[in-house]
PDB file of N, CA and C in Angstrom:
ATOM      1  N   MET A   1      78.661 105.528  89.357  1.00  0.00           N
ATOM      2  CA  MET A   1      78.290 104.404  88.230  1.00  0.00           C
ATOM      3  C   MET A   1      78.165 105.183  86.795  1.00  0.00           C
ATOM      4  N   LEU A   2      77.732 105.326  86.460  1.00  0.00           N
ATOM      5  CA  LEU A   2      77.415 105.509  85.237  1.00  0.00           C
ATOM      6  C   LEU A   2      78.807 105.869  84.180  1.00  0.00           C
ATOM      7  N   LEU A   3      79.706 106.701  84.323  1.00  0.00           N
ATOM      8  CA  LEU A   3      80.342 106.675  84.430  1.00  0.00           C
ATOM      9  C   LEU A   3      81.957 104.972  84.204  1.00  0.00           C
ATOM     10  N   LEU A   4      81.791 104.494  85.190  1.00  0.00           N
ATOM     11  CA  LEU A   4      82.139 103.041  85.361  1.00  0.00           C
ATOM     12  C   LEU A   4      81.668 102.308  84.249  1.00  0.00           C
ATOM     13  N   ARG A   5      80.547 102.150  84.239  1.00  0.00           N
ATOM     14  CA  ARG A   5      79.660 101.362  83.684  1.00  0.00           C
ATOM     15  C   ARG A   5      80.552 101.454  81.887  1.00  0.00           C
ATOM     16  N   THR A   6      80.250 102.987  81.785  1.00  0.00           N
ATOM     17  CA  THR A   6      80.901 103.493  79.866  1.00  0.00           C
ATOM     18  C   THR A   6      81.802 103.078  79.534  1.00  0.00           C
ATOM     19  N   MET A   7      82.845 103.716  81.110  1.00  0.00           N
ATOM     20  CA  MET A   7      84.221 103.169  80.404  1.00  0.00           C
ATOM     21  C   MET A   7      84.662 101.868  80.849  1.00  0.00           C
ATOM     22  N   ASN A   8      83.750 101.197  81.753  1.00  0.00           N
ATOM     23  CA  ASN A   8      84.534 100.122  81.443  1.00  0.00           C
ATOM     24  C   ASN A   8      85.825  99.633  81.974  1.00  0.00           C
ATOM     25  N   PRO A   9      85.922 100.330  83.294  1.00  0.00           N
ATOM     26  CA  PRO A   9      87.709 100.264  83.021  1.00  0.00           C
ATOM     27  C   PRO A   9      88.388  98.672  83.830  1.00  0.00           C
ATOM     28  N   GLU A  10      89.393  97.936  83.487  1.00  0.00           N
ATOM     29  CA  GLU A  10      89.823  96.630  84.266  1.00  0.00           C
ATOM     30  C   GLU A  10      90.452  97.188  85.120  1.00  0.00           C
ATOM     31  N   LEU A  11      91.097  97.798  86.021  1.00  0.00           N
ATOM     32  CA  LEU A  11      92.107  98.796  87.168  1.00  0.00           C
ATOM     33  C   LEU A  11      91.160 100.124  87.524  1.00  0.00           C
ATOM     34  N   ILE A  12      91.308 100.495  88.714  1.00  0.00           N
ATOM     35  CA  ILE A  12      91.451 101.618  89.073  1.00  0.00           C
ATOM     36  C   ILE A  12      92.330 102.203  90.239  1.00  0.00           C
ATOM     37  N   ALA A  13      93.033 103.070  89.935  1.00  0.00           N
ATOM     38  CA  ALA A  13      94.112 103.232  91.245  1.00  0.00           C
ATOM     39  C   ALA A  13      93.476 104.337  92.383  1.00  0.00           C
ATOM     40  N   VAL A  14      93.579 103.992  93.295  1.00  0.00           N
ATOM     41  CA  VAL A  14      93.009 104.894  94.297  1.00  0.00           C
ATOM     42  C   VAL A  14      94.697 105.334  95.437  1.00  0.00           C
ATOM     43  N   ASP A  15      94.513 106.708  96.237  1.00  0.00           N
ATOM     44  CA  ASP A  15      95.351 107.113  97.078  1.00  0.00           C
ATOM     45  C   ASP A  15      94.675 107.258  98.180  1.00  0.00           C
ATOM     46  N   GLU A  16      95.273 106.488  99.157  1.00  0.00           N
ATOM     47  CA  GLU A  16      95.100 106.557 100.639  1.00  0.00           C
ATOM     48  C   GLU A  16      92.991 106.316 101.363  1.00  0.00           C
ATOM     49  N   ILE A  17      93.280 105.557 101.235  1.00  0.00           N
ATOM     50  CA  ILE A  17      91.710 105.031 101.548  1.00  0.00           C
ATOM     51  C   ILE A  17      91.509 105.553 103.005  1.00  0.00           C
ATOM     52  N   THR A  18      90.847 106.288 103.398  1.00  0.00           N
ATOM     53  CA  THR A  18      90.733 107.051 104.729  1.00  0.00           C
ATOM     54  C   THR A  18      89.715 107.233 106.051  1.00  0.00           C
ATOM     55  N   ARG A  19      88.293 106.679 104.857  1.00  0.00           N
ATOM     56  CA  ARG A  19      86.969 106.484 104.936  1.00  0.00           C
ATOM     57  C   ARG A  19      86.227 105.319 104.516  1.00  0.00           C
ATOM     58  N   GLU A  20      85.158 105.616 105.536  1.00  0.00           N
ATOM     59  CA  GLU A  20      84.216 104.662 105.379  1.00  0.00           C
ATOM     60  C   GLU A  20      83.635 104.640 103.592  1.00  0.00           C
ATOM     61  N   ASP A  21      83.284 105.875 103.056  1.00  0.00           N
ATOM     62  CA  ASP A  21      82.591 105.821 101.832  1.00  0.00           C
ATOM     63  C   ASP A  21      83.970 105.345 100.881  1.00  0.00           C
ATOM     64  N   ASP A  22      85.223 105.458 101.272  1.00  0.00           N
ATOM     65  CA  ASP A  22      86.353 105.216 100.037  1.00  0.00           C
ATOM     66  C   ASP A  22      86.204 103.640 100.282  1.00  0.00           C
ATOM     67  N   VAL A  23      85.946 102.842 101.200  1.00  0.00           N
ATOM     68  CA  VAL A  23      85.653 101.821 101.684  1.00  0.00           C
ATOM     69  C   VAL A  23      84.209 101.085 100.591  1.00  0.00           C
ATOM     70  N   GLU A  24      83.313 101.753 100.934  1.00  0.00           N
ATOM     71  CA  GLU A  24      82.359 101.643  99.952  1.00  0.00           C
ATOM     72  C   GLU A  24      82.075 102.008  99.124  1.00  0.00           C
ATOM     73  N   ALA A  25      83.142 102.662  97.901  1.00  0.00           N
ATOM     74  CA  ALA A  25      83.406 102.645  96.827  1.00  0.00           C
ATOM     75  C   ALA A  25      84.145 101.171  96.530  1.00  0.00           C
ATOM     76  N   ILE A  26      84.953 101.077  96.673  1.00  0.00           N
ATOM     77  CA  ILE A  26      85.786  99.709  96.849  1.00  0.00           C
ATOM     78  C   ILE A  26      84.688  98.911  96.508  1.00  0.00           C
ATOM     79  N   GLY A  27      83.976  98.384  97.396  1.00  0.00           N
ATOM     80  CA  GLY A  27      83.348  96.824  97.231  1.00  0.00           C
ATOM     81  C   GLY A  27      82.020  97.627  96.248  1.00  0.00           C
ATOM     82  N   GLN A  28      81.652  98.686  95.486  1.00  0.00           N
ATOM     83  CA  GLN A  28      81.312  98.437  94.154  1.00  0.00           C
ATOM     84  C   GLN A  28      81.936  98.552  93.353  1.00  0.00           C
ATOM     85  N   LEU A  29      83.196  98.634  92.983  1.00  0.00           N
ATOM     86  CA  LEU A  29      84.074  99.158  92.040  1.00  0.00           C
ATOM     87  C   LEU A  29      84.514  97.291  91.892  1.00  0.00           C
ATOM     88  N   ALA A  30      85.291  96.627  93.307  1.00  0.00           N
ATOM     89  CA  ALA A  30      84.837  95.319  92.776  1.00  0.00           C
ATOM     90  C   ALA A  30      83.855  94.365  92.965  1.00  0.00           C
ATOM     91  N   GLY A  31      82.460  94.873  92.663  1.00  0.00           N
ATOM     92  CA  GLY A  31      81.298  93.986  92.175  1.00  0.00           C
ATOM     93  C   GLY A  31      81.170  94.418  91.128  1.00  0.00           C
ATOM     94  N   CYS A  32      81.671  95.052  90.238  1.00  0.00           N
ATOM     95  CA  CYS A  32      81.974  95.018  88.735  1.00  0.00           C
ATOM     96  C   CYS A  32      82.880  94.580  88.035  1.00  0.00           C
ATOM     97  N   GLY A  33      83.730  93.845  88.868  1.00  0.00           N
ATOM     98  CA  GLY A  33      84.972  92.969  88.497  1.00  0.00           C
ATOM     99  C   GLY A  33      86.299  94.266  87.994  1.00  0.00           C
ATOM    100  N   VAL A  34      85.865  95.509  88.702  1.00  0.00           N
ATOM    101  CA  VAL A  34      87.050  96.226  88.025  1.00  0.00           C
ATOM    102  C   VAL A  34      88.726  95.585  89.177  1.00  0.00           C
ATOM    103  N   GLY A  35      89.381  95.611  88.637  1.00  0.00           N
ATOM    104  CA  GLY A  35      90.492  95.501  89.584  1.00  0.00           C
ATOM    105  C   GLY A  35      90.936  96.607  90.631  1.00  0.00           C
ATOM    106  N   ILE A  36      91.954  96.807  91.748  1.00  0.00           N
ATOM    107  CA  ILE A  36      92.336  97.936  92.263  1.00  0.00           C
ATOM    108  C   ILE A  36      92.937  98.295  92.968  1.00  0.00           C
ATOM    109  N   LEU A  37      93.639  98.692  92.627  1.00  0.00           N
ATOM    110  CA  LEU A  37      95.233  99.361  93.234  1.00  0.00           C
ATOM    111  C   LEU A  37      95.512 100.556  94.714  1.00  0.00           C
ATOM    112  N   ALA A  38      95.696  99.943  95.632  1.00  0.00           N
ATOM    113  CA  ALA A  38      95.189 101.129  96.658  1.00  0.00           C
ATOM    114  C   ALA A  38      96.746 101.522  97.521  1.00  0.00           C
ATOM    115  N   SER A  39      96.557 102.533  97.638  1.00  0.00           N
ATOM    116  CA  SER A  39      97.454 102.431  98.873  1.00  0.00           C
ATOM    117  C   SER A  39      97.429 103.012 100.250  1.00  0.00           C
ATOM    118  N   ALA A  40      97.681 102.778 101.347  1.00  0.00           N
ATOM    119  CA  ALA A  40      97.174 102.624 103.006  1.00  0.00           C
ATOM    120  C   ALA A  40      98.623 102.950 103.511  1.00  0.00           C
ATOM    121  N   HIS A  41      98.659 103.582 104.582  1.00  0.00           N
ATOM    122  CA  HIS A  41     100.120 103.641 105.589  1.00  0.00           C
ATOM    123  C   HIS A  41      99.479 102.916 106.914  1.00  0.00           C
ATOM    124  N   ALA A  42     100.536 102.065 106.301  1.00  0.00           N
ATOM    125  CA  ALA A  42     100.725 101.130 107.596  1.00  0.00           C
ATOM    126  C   ALA A  42     102.048 100.340 107.744  1.00  0.00           C
ATOM    127  N   GLN A  43     102.760  99.788 109.105  1.00  0.00           N
ATOM    128  CA  GLN A  43     103.975  99.094 108.872  1.00  0.00           C
ATOM    129  C   GLN A  43     103.335  97.391 108.349  1.00  0.00           C
ATOM    130  N   THR A  44     102.892  96.929 108.954  1.00  0.00           N
ATOM    131  CA  THR A  44     103.064  95.802 107.797  1.00  0.00           C
ATOM    132  C   THR A  44     101.374  95.103 107.794  1.00  0.00           C
ATOM    133  N   PRO A  45     100.500  94.390 106.943  1.00  0.00           N
ATOM    134  CA  PRO A  45      99.436  93.890 106.546  1.00  0.00           C
ATOM    135  C   PRO A  45      98.990  93.045 108.134  1.00  0.00           C
ATOM    136  N   GLN A  46      99.822  92.970 108.550  1.00  0.00           N
ATOM    137  CA  GLN A  46      99.039  92.576 110.136  1.00  0.00           C
ATOM    138  C   GLN A  46      98.389  94.126 110.746  1.00  0.00           C
ATOM    139  N   GLN A  47      99.346  95.238 110.604  1.00  0.00           N
ATOM    140  CA  GLN A  47      98.273  96.540 111.266  1.00  0.00           C
ATOM    141  C   GLN A  47      97.540  96.664 110.490  1.00  0.00           C
ATOM    142  N   MET A  48      97.649  96.509 109.190  1.00  0.00           N
ATOM    143  CA  MET A  48      95.880  97.065 108.519  1.00  0.00           C
ATOM    144  C   MET A  48      94.611  96.041 109.050  1.00  0.00           C
ATOM    145  N   LEU A  49      95.456  94.634 109.131  1.00  0.00           N
ATOM    146  CA  LEU A  49      94.163  93.980 109.746  1.00  0.00           C
ATOM    147  C   LEU A  49      93.612  94.476 111.586  1.00  0.00           C
ATOM    148  N   SER A  50      94.712  95.392 111.851  1.00  0.00           N
ATOM    149  CA  SER A  50      93.956  95.756 113.006  1.00  0.00           C
ATOM    150  C   SER A  50      92.369  97.155 113.198  1.00  0.00           C
ATOM    151  N   ARG A  51      93.000  96.933 111.942  1.00  0.00           N
ATOM    152  CA  ARG A  51      92.185  98.750 111.951  1.00  0.00           C
ATOM    153  C   ARG A  51      90.884  98.297 111.343  1.00  0.00           C
ATOM    154  N   PRO A  52      89.370  98.834 111.461  1.00  0.00           N
ATOM    155  CA  PRO A  52      88.561  98.357 111.083  1.00  0.00           C
ATOM    156  C   PRO A  52      88.560  98.431 109.598  1.00  0.00           C
ATOM    157  N   LEU A  53      88.619  99.968 110.124  1.00  0.00           N
ATOM    158  CA  LEU A  53      88.557 100.484 108.337  1.00  0.00           C
ATOM    159  C   LEU A  53      89.000  99.648 107.184  1.00  0.00           C
ATOM    160  N   TYR A  54      90.286  99.010 107.118  1.00  0.00           N
ATOM    161  CA  TYR A  54      90.742  97.932 106.877  1.00  0.00           C
ATOM    162  C   TYR A  54      90.548  96.913 106.198  1.00  0.00           C
ATOM    163  N   ARG A  55      90.607  96.401 108.064  1.00  0.00           N
ATOM    164  CA  ARG A  55      90.050  94.928 108.125  1.00  0.00           C
ATOM    165  C   ARG A  55      88.662  94.165 107.142  1.00  0.00           C
ATOM    166  N   SER A  56      87.343  95.427 106.882  1.00  0.00           N
ATOM    167  CA  SER A  56      86.495  95.145 106.326  1.00  0.00           C
ATOM    168  C   SER A  56      86.988  94.476 104.711  1.00  0.00           C
ATOM    169  N   LEU A  57      87.763  95.824 104.253  1.00  0.00           N
ATOM    170  CA  LEU A  57      88.623  95.273 102.853  1.00  0.00           C
ATOM    171  C   LEU A  57      89.153  93.682 102.644  1.00  0.00           C
ATOM    172  N   LEU A  58      89.965  93.816 104.112  1.00  0.00           N
ATOM    173  CA  LEU A  58      91.413  92.670 103.648  1.00  0.00           C
ATOM    174  C   LEU A  58      90.013  91.629 103.906  1.00  0.00           C
ATOM    175  N   GLU A  59      89.163  91.373 104.887  1.00  0.00           N
ATOM    176  CA  GLU A  59      88.523  90.110 105.075  1.00  0.00           C
ATOM    177  C   GLU A  59      87.087  89.614 103.917  1.00  0.00           C
ATOM    178  N   GLY A  60      87.434  91.171 103.452  1.00  0.00           N
ATOM    179  CA  GLY A  60      86.321  90.764 101.907  1.00  0.00           C
ATOM    180  C   GLY A  60      86.949  90.332 100.394  1.00  0.00           C
ATOM    181  N   ALA A  61      88.433  90.144 101.220  1.00  0.00           N
ATOM    182  CA  ALA A  61      89.180  89.783  99.875  1.00  0.00           C
ATOM    183  C   ALA A  61      89.310  90.205  98.744  1.00  0.00           C
ATOM    184  N   PHE A  62      89.044  91.494  99.109  1.00  0.00           N
ATOM    185  CA  PHE A  62      89.626  93.178  98.261  1.00  0.00           C
ATOM    186  C   PHE A  62      90.910  93.012  97.485  1.00  0.00           C
ATOM    187  N   PHE A  63      91.717  92.911  98.424  1.00  0.00           N
ATOM    188  CA  PHE A  63      92.855  92.737  98.358  1.00  0.00           C
ATOM    189  C   PHE A  63      93.625  91.713  98.821  1.00  0.00           C
ATOM    190  N   THR A  64      94.472  90.910  98.170  1.00  0.00           N
ATOM    191  CA  THR A  64      95.699  89.476  98.306  1.00  0.00           C
ATOM    192  C   THR A  64      96.585  89.912  98.382  1.00  0.00           C
ATOM    193  N   ASP A  65      97.626  91.314  97.884  1.00  0.00           N
ATOM    194  CA  ASP A  65      98.608  90.902  98.394  1.00  0.00           C
ATOM    195  C   ASP A  65      99.159  92.687  98.773  1.00  0.00           C
ATOM    196  N   ALA A  66      99.885  92.936  98.796  1.00  0.00           N
ATOM    197  CA  ALA A  66     100.864  94.017  99.371  1.00  0.00           C
ATOM    198  C   ALA A  66     101.975  94.543  99.251  1.00  0.00           C
ATOM    199  N   ILE A  67     102.300  95.508  98.570  1.00  0.00           N
ATOM    200  CA  ILE A  67     103.667  95.833  98.820  1.00  0.00           C
ATOM    201  C   ILE A  67     104.404  96.590  99.472  1.00  0.00           C
ATOM    202  N   CYS A  68     104.793  95.976 100.606  1.00  0.00           N
ATOM    203  CA  CYS A  68     105.567  97.032 102.219  1.00  0.00           C
ATOM    204  C   CYS A  68     106.674  97.731 101.364  1.00  0.00           C
ATOM    205  N   ILE A  69     106.983  99.250 101.459  1.00  0.00           N
ATOM    206  CA  ILE A  69     107.828 100.096 101.536  1.00  0.00           C
ATOM    207  C   ILE A  69     108.263 100.523 102.522  1.00  0.00           C
ATOM    208  N   THR A  70     109.862 100.604 102.741  1.00  0.00           N
ATOM    209  CA  THR A  70     110.489 100.803 103.888  1.00  0.00           C
ATOM    210  C   THR A  70     111.883 101.850 103.604  1.00  0.00           C
ATOM    211  N   GLY A  71     112.064 102.519 104.647  1.00  0.00           N
ATOM    212  CA  GLY A  71     113.424 102.799 104.064  1.00  0.00           C
ATOM    213  C   GLY A  71     112.898 104.633 103.301  1.00  0.00           C
ATOM    214  N   ALA A  72     113.938 105.319 102.860  1.00  0.00           N
ATOM    215  CA  ALA A  72     113.341 106.136 102.163  1.00  0.00           C
ATOM    216  C   ALA A  72     114.193 106.628 101.381  1.00  0.00           C
ATOM    217  N   GLY A  73     114.630 107.692 100.119  1.00  0.00           N
ATOM    218  CA  GLY A  73     115.422 108.040  99.492  1.00  0.00           C
ATOM    219  C   GLY A  73     116.129 106.313  98.708  1.00  0.00           C
ATOM    220  N   ALA A  74     117.732 106.502  98.515  1.00  0.00           N
ATOM    221  CA  ALA A  74     118.193 105.379  98.267  1.00  0.00           C
ATOM    222  C   ALA A  74     118.323 104.131  98.919  1.00  0.00           C
ATOM    223  N   ASN A  75     117.942 104.507 100.795  1.00  0.00           N
ATOM    224  CA  ASN A  75     117.687 103.304 101.183  1.00  0.00           C
ATOM    225  C   ASN A  75     116.251 102.489 101.246  1.00  0.00           C
ATOM    226  N   ARG A  76     115.450 102.968  99.793  1.00  0.00           N
ATOM    227  CA  ARG A  76     114.351 102.555 100.008  1.00  0.00           C
ATOM    228  C   ARG A  76     114.050 101.215  99.640  1.00  0.00           C
ATOM    229  N   GLN A  77     113.597  99.988 100.512  1.00  0.00           N
ATOM    230  CA  GLN A  77     113.263  98.987  99.660  1.00  0.00           C
ATOM    231  C   GLN A  77     112.102  98.498 100.251  1.00  0.00           C
ATOM    232  N   TYR A  78     111.533  97.650  99.229  1.00  0.00           N
ATOM    233  CA  TYR A  78     110.023  97.044  98.352  1.00  0.00           C
ATOM    234  C   TYR A  78     110.169  95.812  98.772  1.00  0.00           C
ATOM    235  N   ARG A  79     109.169  95.397  99.559  1.00  0.00           N
ATOM    236  CA  ARG A  79     108.539  93.878  99.986  1.00  0.00           C
ATOM    237  C   ARG A  79     107.244  93.164  99.221  1.00  0.00           C
ATOM    238  N   TRP A  80     107.263  92.259  98.864  1.00  0.00           N
ATOM    239  CA  TRP A  80     105.597  92.062  98.345  1.00  0.00           C
ATOM    240  C   TRP A  80     105.145  90.230  99.637  1.00  0.00           C
ATOM    241  N   GLU A  81     104.379  90.804 100.011  1.00  0.00           N
ATOM    242  CA  GLU A  81     103.922  90.148 100.885  1.00  0.00           C
ATOM    243  C   GLU A  81     102.278  89.807 100.705  1.00  0.00           C
ATOM    244  N   ARG A  82     102.047  88.585 100.537  1.00  0.00           N
ATOM    245  CA  ARG A  82     100.560  88.202 100.482  1.00  0.00           C
ATOM    246  C   ARG A  82      99.876  88.351 102.204  1.00  0.00           C
ATOM    247  N   ILE A  83      98.619  88.800 102.059  1.00  0.00           N
ATOM    248  CA  ILE A  83      97.441  89.024 102.853  1.00  0.00           C
ATOM    249  C   ILE A  83      96.918  87.623 103.780  1.00  0.00           C
ATOM    250  N   GLU A  84      97.018  87.179 104.495  1.00  0.00           N
ATOM    251  CA  GLU A  84      96.056  86.659 105.246  1.00  0.00           C
ATOM    252  C   GLU A  84      95.166  86.790 106.171  1.00  0.00           C
ATOM    253  N   SER A  85      93.876  86.489 105.512  1.00  0.00           N
ATOM    254  CA  SER A  85      92.580  87.668 106.406  1.00  0.00           C
ATOM    255  C   SER A  85      92.251  86.634 107.749  1.00  0.00           C
TER     256      SER A  85
END
């Protein structure tokens, strides 16, 4: 928290939200007004809502948008979706 207050970032990127500790840290960051860019594996935002770990973040409105990536290599496609909790 000291580093957060000292550096005063506008955005923090995190990779793979996998534990309750991650969720708690994201809540603290959001409470300090920091924007969050995070990655998580799921087929759709709706599938994320079915997982308790992610549901608390989505219902808390920490995240409002998702970029869904499908395919691989030259066949990779990106789709933006609004998250409806």
